[in-house]
Amino acid sequence: MTSDTNINSDATSAPEYPGKMNRRKALKYIGTGAGVLAVGGTTGFYGYNRSLRISSADAAKLKNVRFVIAGGSIGGITVAARLLRAVPDANITIIEPKTIHHYQPGYTLVAAGVYKKEDVLYDQQSLFLPGMRWVRDYVSAFEPEKNRVKLGSGDFLAYDYLVVGMGVEVNPTSVEGYSEAIKTPHAATIYDLESGMKYREMAKSFSGGKAVFTFPAGYVKCGGAPQKITWLSEDLWRSNGHRDQMDIHFFTNHSSLFPAVPKVDAAVTPLIEARGIQNHYQTEMRAIDVSTRTVILEERMPDGTTREVRQKYDLLHPVPRFRTPKPLREGPLTAEGIGGQIQVDRETLQHRRFPNVFGVGDCAATGAPKTAATIRKQAPAVAENLISLALEREPTTLYDGTSGCPLLTRYGRCMMFEFDFQGNLVNEWLYQSTRETRLWWNFKVHGLKQLYRHVMMNGYV
């Protein structure tokens, strides 16, 4: 495991940008901000920590309640940590097979040459707070009628309350030829760490030709990521003097670049168009012909018909559709029409048919973006509703749909914004949401990882 401060933000391979804030200065400002938020230092922080706890009488009632969490990534650990802040001796078991945790919001920065591989890896054991029990296995089946899950070992684990935070994964079978293409020297994806490192080398050595980037239909893990790597790549090629030799295409299934947030869409689209990136809307990748280096896409026409589009490539960043893990998408916790996600109320995060089951994060069918920023808002609601339910009270804490995105538009520039279920900007005055700023670039590179590791995963959300 590496230290959180071991971030290669001054990597020589990344383009320089005017007035770049160095790592030490950025961390100084971030640390100062964290101190202010701690409300006067240690005393304020102690008071905040105490405020997360419930009464000793209620905590005593929950001492023997069995909380089981399927998935030891950011969603599951944040819920578990928040439960422990409320009930210090809570009985919490986390099921997670991996021994190395990946900071996936950093994958784009690895592919962009800003982070190194080790900057996004943690020892899984180091993430668990004292009191969390770790079962190093995976869930092979859910049996909610019996209040238990089946493990890969064949054993069963019983629970009183279950939280499912298993995330989503790339579905390579959704695009014919994807698995073959990704093994060639001409294609890579930032949704896999090793492939993201491969992409960085591809982008650095690419001196001319057709560069093709795609965005799929359905739910997408970090929906801004395919655009971020497109725009950062264009900026890299512009910086190294090869931009005039590039023909850059971005194909998206959407009707615009950022339809989920109209104000951001209206601000970012002209910026990107001015850089000569060719955006193609209402178009989804269906297949990749490796032999001829051709992407085969389907475009939806205004009259409802479709037509086939073929696009040659010299460099390809393909993004297929996503899916939930097999035990969830083929098990009893999902429903028709939600793509294998766990069927929950989007505000309480409680399962619609099994009231002692909750979902959190990417695998939950809430309609919210699948990002760590979403989990930061969902996890407190899940933890508080679990406690209410275990105390035989109604779950009344609601997730309001707020999520966020640090939209990296070029090296040294970022748009930062939060938005709700309706696509309205939240705290626009704070973020200056539709502006590209150096401040939010530095916060994305230096600050968000600290927030992820030391605030969310420690239950201080």
Protein backbone atom coordinates (compact mmCIF):
# COMPACT_ATOMS: atom_id res chain seq x y z
CA MET A 1 0.00 0.00 0.00
CA THR A 2 1.18 3.53 -0.69
CA SER A 3 0.82 6.74 1.20
CA ASP A 4 -2.04 8.98 0.12
CA THR A 5 0.43 11.78 -0.52
CA ASN A 6 2.42 9.75 -3.04
CA ILE A 7 0.67 11.26 -6.04
CA ASN A 8 2.67 11.92 -9.18
CA SER A 9 0.79 15.07 -10.07
CA ASP A 10 3.94 16.69 -11.47
CA ALA A 11 4.66 13.80 -13.86
CA THR A 12 6.97 14.97 -16.62
CA SER A 13 4.92 13.08 -19.22
CA ALA A 14 1.85 15.22 -18.58
CA PRO A 15 1.52 18.58 -20.36
CA GLU A 16 2.53 21.59 -18.34
CA TYR A 17 -0.02 24.30 -17.74
CA PRO A 18 0.51 27.97 -16.80
CA GLY A 19 0.69 28.78 -13.12
CA LYS A 20 0.53 25.15 -12.05
CA MET A 21 0.12 24.78 -8.30
CA ASN A 22 2.67 22.36 -6.94
CA ARG A 23 1.72 19.36 -4.84
CA ARG A 24 2.92 20.77 -1.54
CA LYS A 25 1.02 24.02 -1.96
CA ALA A 26 -2.14 22.21 -3.07
CA LEU A 27 -2.04 19.91 -0.08
CA LYS A 28 -1.44 22.88 2.19
CA TYR A 29 -4.61 24.57 0.95
CA ILE A 30 -6.58 21.35 1.11
CA GLY A 31 -5.36 20.72 4.64
CA THR A 32 -6.30 24.25 5.64
CA GLY A 33 -9.80 23.73 4.26
CA ALA A 34 -10.14 20.46 6.14
CA GLY A 35 -9.10 22.20 9.34
CA VAL A 36 -11.79 24.85 8.91
CA LEU A 37 -14.39 22.15 8.31
CA ALA A 38 -13.29 20.45 11.52
CA VAL A 39 -14.85 23.43 13.33
CA GLY A 40 -11.98 24.69 15.31
CA GLY A 41 -9.65 21.69 15.33
CA THR A 42 -9.62 18.71 17.65
CA THR A 43 -12.44 19.88 19.89
CA GLY A 44 -14.77 20.50 16.97
CA PHE A 45 -13.90 17.19 15.39
CA TYR A 46 -14.46 15.34 18.66
CA GLY A 47 -17.86 16.94 18.96
CA TYR A 48 -18.74 15.98 15.41
CA ASN A 49 -17.63 12.39 16.00
CA ARG A 50 -19.80 12.19 19.10
CA SER A 51 -22.76 13.66 17.23
CA LEU A 52 -22.76 10.64 14.90
CA ARG A 53 -23.57 8.32 17.79
CA ILE A 54 -27.03 7.28 18.90
CA SER A 55 -28.10 7.08 22.56
CA SER A 56 -26.47 4.41 24.72
CA ALA A 57 -29.89 2.85 25.35
CA ASP A 58 -30.56 2.46 21.62
CA ALA A 59 -27.02 1.26 20.98
CA ALA A 60 -27.46 -1.47 23.59
CA LYS A 61 -30.50 -2.76 21.70
CA LEU A 62 -28.44 -3.13 18.54
CA LYS A 63 -25.42 -4.86 20.04
CA ASN A 64 -26.44 -8.32 18.84
CA VAL A 65 -28.03 -7.32 15.53
CA ARG A 66 -26.18 -8.97 12.64
CA PHE A 67 -25.34 -6.49 9.87
CA VAL A 68 -23.85 -8.15 6.79
CA ILE A 69 -22.43 -6.15 3.89
CA ALA A 70 -21.90 -7.80 0.50
CA GLY A 71 -19.02 -5.91 -1.08
CA GLY A 72 -16.01 -4.27 0.54
CA SER A 73 -15.52 -1.35 -1.80
CA ILE A 74 -16.31 2.31 -1.11
CA GLY A 75 -20.08 1.84 -0.70
CA GLY A 76 -19.97 -1.09 1.69
CA ILE A 77 -17.10 0.23 3.78
CA THR A 78 -18.61 3.71 4.10
CA VAL A 79 -21.93 2.28 5.33
CA ALA A 80 -20.10 -0.03 7.75
CA ALA A 81 -17.97 2.82 9.09
CA ARG A 82 -21.00 5.05 9.54
CA LEU A 83 -22.76 2.25 11.45
CA LEU A 84 -19.74 1.90 13.73
CA ARG A 85 -19.67 5.64 14.40
CA ALA A 86 -23.27 5.35 15.59
CA VAL A 87 -22.92 2.01 17.40
CA PRO A 88 -19.26 1.45 18.38
CA ASP A 89 -19.78 -2.24 19.22
CA ALA A 90 -22.05 -3.06 16.27
CA ASN A 91 -21.83 -6.58 14.81
CA ILE A 92 -20.71 -5.89 11.24
CA THR A 93 -19.43 -8.44 8.72
CA ILE A 94 -18.08 -7.42 5.31
CA ILE A 95 -17.81 -9.99 2.52
CA GLU A 96 -15.03 -9.11 0.09
CA PRO A 97 -12.73 -11.48 -1.83
CA LYS A 98 -10.09 -8.96 -2.93
CA THR A 99 -7.03 -8.21 -0.81
CA ILE A 100 -6.12 -5.09 -2.82
CA HIS A 101 -8.58 -2.20 -3.03
CA HIS A 102 -8.62 -0.04 -6.17
CA TYR A 103 -9.32 3.67 -5.99
CA GLN A 104 -11.27 3.61 -9.24
CA PRO A 105 -11.92 7.38 -9.46
CA GLY A 106 -8.17 7.62 -10.08
CA TYR A 107 -8.12 5.38 -13.14
CA THR A 108 -8.57 8.30 -15.54
CA LEU A 109 -5.62 10.07 -13.96
CA VAL A 110 -3.49 6.94 -14.32
CA ALA A 111 -4.35 6.79 -18.02
CA ALA A 112 -3.56 10.51 -18.27
CA GLY A 113 -0.13 10.08 -16.68
CA VAL A 114 -0.98 12.12 -13.58
CA TYR A 115 -1.10 9.20 -11.13
CA LYS A 116 1.11 6.13 -11.01
CA LYS A 117 -0.36 2.66 -10.60
CA GLU A 118 0.56 2.49 -6.92
CA ASP A 119 -1.32 5.71 -6.24
CA VAL A 120 -4.67 3.96 -6.72
CA LEU A 121 -3.99 0.79 -4.72
CA TYR A 122 -4.64 0.13 -1.03
CA ASP A 123 -4.17 -2.89 1.15
CA GLN A 124 -7.77 -3.99 1.76
CA GLN A 125 -7.14 -4.86 5.40
CA SER A 126 -5.99 -1.30 6.13
CA LEU A 127 -9.41 0.08 5.16
CA PHE A 128 -11.38 -1.74 7.85
CA LEU A 129 -12.01 -0.02 11.15
CA PRO A 130 -11.57 -2.00 14.38
CA GLY A 131 -14.77 -3.93 14.97
CA MET A 132 -15.40 -4.84 11.33
CA ARG A 133 -15.24 -8.56 10.61
CA TRP A 134 -13.83 -9.41 7.19
CA VAL A 135 -14.91 -12.58 5.36
CA ARG A 136 -12.44 -13.07 2.51
CA ASP A 137 -14.88 -14.67 0.11
CA TYR A 138 -17.53 -13.69 -2.41
CA VAL A 139 -21.31 -13.98 -2.49
CA SER A 140 -22.32 -16.73 -4.90
CA ALA A 141 -26.07 -16.51 -4.22
CA PHE A 142 -28.61 -14.47 -2.28
CA GLU A 143 -31.35 -16.20 -0.27
CA PRO A 144 -33.41 -13.31 1.16
CA GLU A 145 -36.32 -15.56 2.14
CA LYS A 146 -33.93 -17.31 4.53
CA ASN A 147 -32.03 -14.16 5.54
CA ARG A 148 -28.71 -15.55 4.38
CA VAL A 149 -26.18 -15.45 1.58
CA LYS A 150 -24.23 -18.33 0.11
CA LEU A 151 -20.47 -17.88 -0.12
CA GLY A 152 -18.09 -19.12 -2.78
CA SER A 153 -16.78 -21.65 -0.26
CA GLY A 154 -20.24 -23.20 -0.07
CA ASP A 155 -20.86 -21.90 3.45
CA PHE A 156 -23.87 -19.77 4.35
CA LEU A 157 -23.80 -16.51 6.28
CA ALA A 158 -26.97 -15.44 8.09
CA TYR A 159 -27.95 -11.85 8.69
CA ASP A 160 -30.60 -9.71 10.28
CA TYR A 161 -29.92 -6.87 7.86
CA LEU A 162 -28.09 -6.98 4.56
CA VAL A 163 -26.46 -4.19 2.54
CA VAL A 164 -25.52 -4.93 -1.07
CA GLY A 165 -22.70 -2.80 -2.46
CA MET A 166 -21.21 -5.01 -5.18
CA GLY A 167 -20.76 -2.38 -7.87
CA VAL A 168 -20.98 -2.91 -11.62
CA GLU A 169 -18.54 -4.27 -14.20
CA VAL A 170 -17.79 -3.91 -17.88
CA ASN A 171 -19.80 -6.34 -20.01
CA PRO A 172 -17.39 -7.46 -22.75
CA THR A 173 -20.04 -9.61 -24.45
CA SER A 174 -22.16 -6.54 -25.27
CA VAL A 175 -19.82 -5.64 -28.15
CA GLU A 176 -18.78 -8.29 -30.64
CA GLY A 177 -15.00 -8.34 -30.97
CA TYR A 178 -14.38 -6.19 -27.87
CA SER A 179 -12.31 -8.79 -26.00
CA GLU A 180 -10.14 -9.39 -29.07
CA ALA A 181 -9.70 -5.67 -29.77
CA ILE A 182 -8.62 -4.81 -26.24
CA LYS A 183 -5.70 -7.24 -26.57
CA THR A 184 -4.30 -5.50 -29.64
CA PRO A 185 -1.77 -2.62 -29.58
CA HIS A 186 -4.42 -0.21 -30.87
CA ALA A 187 -7.15 -0.37 -28.19
CA ALA A 188 -7.36 0.09 -24.42
CA THR A 189 -9.87 1.18 -21.77
CA ILE A 190 -9.59 3.22 -18.60
CA TYR A 191 -12.12 0.94 -16.88
CA ASP A 192 -9.32 -1.52 -16.12
CA LEU A 193 -6.13 -0.45 -14.36
CA GLU A 194 -3.67 -2.41 -16.49
CA SER A 195 -5.46 -1.39 -19.66
CA GLY A 196 -5.48 2.23 -18.50
CA MET A 197 -1.69 2.08 -18.14
CA LYS A 198 -1.53 0.62 -21.63
CA TYR A 199 -3.70 3.48 -22.91
CA ARG A 200 -1.31 6.04 -21.46
CA GLU A 201 1.58 4.58 -23.46
CA MET A 202 -0.61 4.40 -26.58
CA ALA A 203 -1.58 8.06 -26.24
CA LYS A 204 1.98 9.21 -25.60
CA SER A 205 3.31 7.48 -28.70
CA PHE A 206 0.36 8.32 -30.97
CA SER A 207 1.55 10.87 -33.53
CA GLY A 208 -1.28 10.91 -36.05
CA GLY A 209 -4.32 9.15 -37.43
CA LYS A 210 -7.90 8.45 -36.41
CA ALA A 211 -8.60 8.36 -32.65
CA VAL A 212 -12.01 6.96 -31.74
CA PHE A 213 -13.75 7.09 -28.34
CA THR A 214 -17.16 5.61 -27.48
CA PHE A 215 -19.88 5.92 -24.85
CA PRO A 216 -22.45 3.11 -24.38
CA ALA A 217 -26.17 2.82 -23.74
CA GLY A 218 -27.54 1.90 -20.31
CA TYR A 219 -26.04 2.77 -16.94
CA VAL A 220 -22.36 3.69 -16.92
CA LYS A 221 -19.80 3.67 -14.12
CA CYS A 222 -18.58 7.27 -13.83
CA GLY A 223 -20.39 8.54 -16.87
CA GLY A 224 -17.99 11.45 -17.27
CA ALA A 225 -14.91 9.24 -17.62
CA PRO A 226 -15.15 8.43 -21.36
CA GLN A 227 -15.36 12.15 -22.09
CA LYS A 228 -12.57 13.07 -19.67
CA ILE A 229 -10.08 10.75 -21.33
CA THR A 230 -11.13 12.01 -24.77
CA TRP A 231 -10.56 15.62 -23.82
CA LEU A 232 -7.33 14.99 -21.91
CA SER A 233 -5.96 13.02 -24.86
CA GLU A 234 -6.78 15.85 -27.25
CA ASP A 235 -5.01 18.28 -24.91
CA LEU A 236 -1.97 16.00 -24.73
CA TRP A 237 -1.73 15.78 -28.51
CA ARG A 238 -2.19 19.53 -28.83
CA SER A 239 0.57 20.08 -26.28
CA ASN A 240 3.07 17.78 -27.99
CA GLY A 241 2.47 19.33 -31.40
CA HIS A 242 0.65 16.42 -33.06
CA ARG A 243 -2.91 17.75 -32.93
CA ASP A 244 -2.98 18.73 -36.62
CA GLN A 245 -2.28 15.10 -37.53
CA MET A 246 -5.25 13.84 -35.48
CA ASP A 247 -8.81 13.07 -36.53
CA ILE A 248 -10.68 12.67 -33.22
CA HIS A 249 -14.17 11.16 -32.98
CA PHE A 250 -16.40 10.75 -29.91
CA PHE A 251 -19.47 8.52 -30.37
CA THR A 252 -22.15 8.63 -27.70
CA ASN A 253 -25.53 6.96 -27.32
CA HIS A 254 -26.84 10.20 -25.80
CA SER A 255 -28.42 13.12 -27.63
CA SER A 256 -25.73 15.52 -26.35
CA LEU A 257 -22.49 15.47 -24.37
CA PHE A 258 -23.95 15.87 -20.87
CA PRO A 259 -27.74 15.61 -21.08
CA ALA A 260 -28.12 14.75 -17.37
CA VAL A 261 -27.22 18.35 -16.43
CA PRO A 262 -28.47 20.86 -19.04
CA LYS A 263 -26.49 23.83 -17.71
CA VAL A 264 -23.22 21.90 -17.83
CA ASP A 265 -24.10 20.52 -21.26
CA ALA A 266 -24.68 24.03 -22.58
CA ALA A 267 -21.37 25.23 -21.16
CA VAL A 268 -19.10 22.34 -22.11
CA THR A 269 -20.35 21.59 -25.64
CA PRO A 270 -19.06 24.78 -27.31
CA LEU A 271 -15.73 24.41 -25.52
CA ILE A 272 -15.27 20.91 -26.93
CA GLU A 273 -16.54 21.75 -30.40
CA ALA A 274 -14.06 24.64 -30.57
CA ARG A 275 -11.26 22.12 -30.08
CA GLY A 276 -12.24 20.27 -33.26
CA ILE A 277 -13.40 17.01 -31.65
CA GLN A 278 -16.09 15.46 -33.84
CA ASN A 279 -19.03 14.45 -31.64
CA HIS A 280 -21.52 11.89 -32.98
CA TYR A 281 -24.80 11.56 -31.07
CA GLN A 282 -27.47 8.83 -30.82
CA THR A 283 -24.85 6.28 -31.89
CA GLU A 284 -23.81 3.10 -30.10
CA MET A 285 -20.92 0.72 -30.76
CA ARG A 286 -22.10 -2.77 -31.73
CA ALA A 287 -18.94 -4.53 -32.91
CA ILE A 288 -15.22 -4.13 -33.57
CA ASP A 289 -13.55 -5.65 -36.61
CA VAL A 290 -9.97 -6.13 -35.47
CA SER A 291 -8.71 -7.30 -38.85
CA THR A 292 -9.56 -3.99 -40.54
CA ARG A 293 -9.46 -1.80 -37.40
CA THR A 294 -13.07 -0.73 -37.87
CA VAL A 295 -15.71 0.14 -35.27
CA ILE A 296 -19.23 -0.83 -36.33
CA LEU A 297 -21.89 1.41 -34.79
CA GLU A 298 -25.64 1.87 -34.96
CA GLU A 299 -27.03 5.39 -35.34
CA ARG A 300 -30.64 6.22 -34.44
CA MET A 301 -32.23 8.52 -37.00
CA PRO A 302 -34.85 11.22 -36.19
CA ASP A 303 -37.61 9.11 -37.76
CA GLY A 304 -36.87 6.18 -35.43
CA THR A 305 -35.00 4.05 -37.94
CA THR A 306 -31.36 3.06 -37.56
CA ARG A 307 -28.41 2.88 -39.89
CA GLU A 308 -25.02 1.22 -39.68
CA VAL A 309 -21.95 3.42 -39.34
CA ARG A 310 -18.41 2.16 -39.90
CA GLN A 311 -15.48 4.09 -38.49
CA LYS A 312 -11.81 3.26 -39.05
CA TYR A 313 -9.43 3.76 -36.15
CA ASP A 314 -5.72 3.89 -35.41
CA LEU A 315 -6.29 4.39 -31.67
CA LEU A 316 -9.46 3.17 -29.98
CA HIS A 317 -10.91 3.73 -26.51
CA PRO A 318 -14.01 1.48 -26.57
CA VAL A 319 -16.54 1.44 -23.73
CA PRO A 320 -19.01 -1.47 -23.87
CA ARG A 321 -22.16 -1.66 -21.76
CA PHE A 322 -22.03 -2.38 -18.03
CA ARG A 323 -23.68 -5.05 -15.90
CA THR A 324 -23.95 -6.05 -12.25
CA PRO A 325 -22.15 -9.15 -10.93
CA LYS A 326 -23.79 -12.46 -11.83
CA PRO A 327 -25.17 -13.34 -8.34
CA LEU A 328 -27.08 -10.07 -8.35
CA ARG A 329 -28.25 -9.88 -11.95
CA GLU A 330 -29.41 -13.52 -11.93
CA GLY A 331 -30.66 -13.58 -8.34
CA PRO A 332 -33.86 -12.67 -6.47
CA LEU A 333 -32.91 -9.10 -5.53
CA THR A 334 -33.33 -7.61 -8.99
CA ALA A 335 -36.40 -7.19 -11.23
CA GLU A 336 -37.35 -6.92 -14.89
CA GLY A 337 -36.35 -3.72 -16.63
CA ILE A 338 -33.60 -2.50 -14.29
CA GLY A 339 -30.60 -4.18 -15.88
CA GLY A 340 -29.80 -6.59 -13.07
CA GLN A 341 -29.49 -3.86 -10.44
CA ILE A 342 -30.80 -4.31 -6.91
CA GLN A 343 -34.43 -3.16 -6.73
CA VAL A 344 -34.59 -0.40 -4.12
CA ASP A 345 -36.59 2.68 -3.27
CA ARG A 346 -34.43 5.44 -4.70
CA GLU A 347 -34.79 7.65 -1.62
CA THR A 348 -34.58 5.24 1.34
CA LEU A 349 -32.38 2.69 -0.54
CA GLN A 350 -34.51 -0.05 1.03
CA HIS A 351 -35.36 -3.09 -1.09
CA ARG A 352 -38.89 -2.98 -2.43
CA ARG A 353 -39.69 -6.61 -1.56
CA PHE A 354 -37.29 -7.53 1.23
CA PRO A 355 -37.39 -4.73 3.84
CA ASN A 356 -34.27 -5.88 5.73
CA VAL A 357 -32.15 -5.54 2.57
CA PHE A 358 -30.61 -2.28 1.32
CA GLY A 359 -28.55 -1.31 -1.71
CA VAL A 360 -25.81 1.29 -2.02
CA GLY A 361 -23.69 2.64 -4.84
CA ASP A 362 -23.33 1.51 -8.42
CA CYS A 363 -25.42 -1.68 -8.17
CA ALA A 364 -28.51 0.11 -6.80
CA ALA A 365 -31.33 1.01 -9.23
CA THR A 366 -31.82 4.63 -8.17
CA GLY A 367 -31.31 6.39 -11.48
CA ALA A 368 -28.49 8.40 -9.91
CA PRO A 369 -25.01 8.51 -11.46
CA LYS A 370 -22.69 5.66 -10.51
CA THR A 371 -19.91 7.59 -8.80
CA ALA A 372 -18.23 7.88 -5.41
CA ALA A 373 -19.92 11.28 -5.04
CA THR A 374 -23.29 9.51 -5.14
CA ILE A 375 -22.17 7.07 -2.44
CA ARG A 376 -21.07 9.97 -0.23
CA LYS A 377 -24.73 11.03 -0.13
CA GLN A 378 -26.31 7.56 -0.11
CA ALA A 379 -24.26 5.88 2.62
CA PRO A 380 -25.48 8.05 5.53
CA ALA A 381 -29.10 7.43 4.49
CA VAL A 382 -28.53 3.67 4.35
CA ALA A 383 -26.82 3.56 7.74
CA GLU A 384 -29.43 5.71 9.45
CA ASN A 385 -32.32 3.77 7.93
CA LEU A 386 -30.75 0.46 8.98
CA ILE A 387 -30.55 1.72 12.54
CA SER A 388 -34.13 2.97 12.49
CA LEU A 389 -35.40 -0.34 11.12
CA ALA A 390 -33.42 -2.36 13.66
CA LEU A 391 -34.97 -0.22 16.40
CA GLU A 392 -38.43 -1.00 14.95
CA ARG A 393 -38.90 2.50 13.60
CA GLU A 394 -39.75 3.68 10.11
CA PRO A 395 -36.77 4.49 7.86
CA THR A 396 -37.20 8.21 7.26
CA THR A 397 -33.76 9.41 6.13
CA LEU A 398 -33.96 10.12 2.40
CA TYR A 399 -31.28 10.25 -0.26
CA ASP A 400 -32.10 13.39 -2.24
CA GLY A 401 -30.51 12.31 -5.51
CA THR A 402 -27.48 14.56 -5.20
CA SER A 403 -24.35 13.45 -6.99
CA GLY A 404 -21.29 15.20 -8.36
CA CYS A 405 -18.65 15.17 -11.05
CA PRO A 406 -15.16 16.61 -11.40
CA LEU A 407 -15.22 16.98 -15.19
CA LEU A 408 -11.61 17.16 -16.37
CA THR A 409 -11.71 19.25 -19.52
CA ARG A 410 -7.95 19.57 -20.11
CA TYR A 411 -4.72 19.25 -18.12
CA GLY A 412 -4.90 21.76 -15.28
CA ARG A 413 -8.59 22.56 -15.78
CA CYS A 414 -11.73 21.03 -14.31
CA MET A 415 -15.42 21.79 -13.96
CA MET A 416 -16.75 20.74 -10.55
CA PHE A 417 -20.48 20.45 -9.94
CA GLU A 418 -23.19 18.69 -7.98
CA PHE A 419 -26.67 17.97 -9.29
CA ASP A 420 -29.92 16.32 -8.22
CA PHE A 421 -32.34 13.76 -9.69
CA GLN A 422 -33.82 16.43 -11.97
CA GLY A 423 -30.45 17.56 -13.33
CA ASN A 424 -30.52 20.86 -11.45
CA LEU A 425 -27.18 22.19 -10.21
CA VAL A 426 -26.69 22.12 -6.43
CA ASN A 427 -24.44 24.64 -4.62
CA GLU A 428 -23.68 26.31 -7.95
CA TRP A 429 -22.47 29.41 -6.12
CA LEU A 430 -19.77 27.37 -4.37
CA TYR A 431 -18.44 25.41 -7.33
CA GLN A 432 -18.88 28.02 -10.07
CA SER A 433 -20.09 24.90 -11.81
CA THR A 434 -19.80 25.84 -15.47
CA ARG A 435 -16.28 27.26 -15.31
CA GLU A 436 -13.03 25.41 -16.05
CA THR A 437 -10.72 26.20 -13.12
CA ARG A 438 -7.29 25.23 -11.88
CA LEU A 439 -8.59 25.09 -8.30
CA TRP A 440 -10.89 22.14 -8.99
CA TRP A 441 -8.21 20.35 -11.01
CA ASN A 442 -5.96 20.48 -7.96
CA PHE A 443 -8.80 19.37 -5.73
CA LYS A 444 -9.54 16.41 -8.01
CA VAL A 445 -5.86 15.40 -8.11
CA HIS A 446 -4.93 16.05 -4.47
CA GLY A 447 -8.10 16.40 -2.42
CA LEU A 448 -10.76 13.92 -3.50
CA LYS A 449 -8.56 10.92 -2.76
CA GLN A 450 -8.10 12.22 0.78
CA LEU A 451 -11.87 12.67 1.12
CA TYR A 452 -12.47 9.15 -0.20
CA ARG A 453 -9.94 7.46 2.08
CA HIS A 454 -10.01 9.47 5.30
CA VAL A 455 -13.52 10.89 5.43
CA MET A 456 -15.88 8.52 3.64
CA MET A 457 -14.18 5.25 4.56
CA ASN A 458 -13.90 6.37 8.17
CA GLY A 459 -17.61 7.10 8.38
CA TYR A 460 -17.37 10.90 8.63
CA VAL A 461 -20.04 11.65 6.03
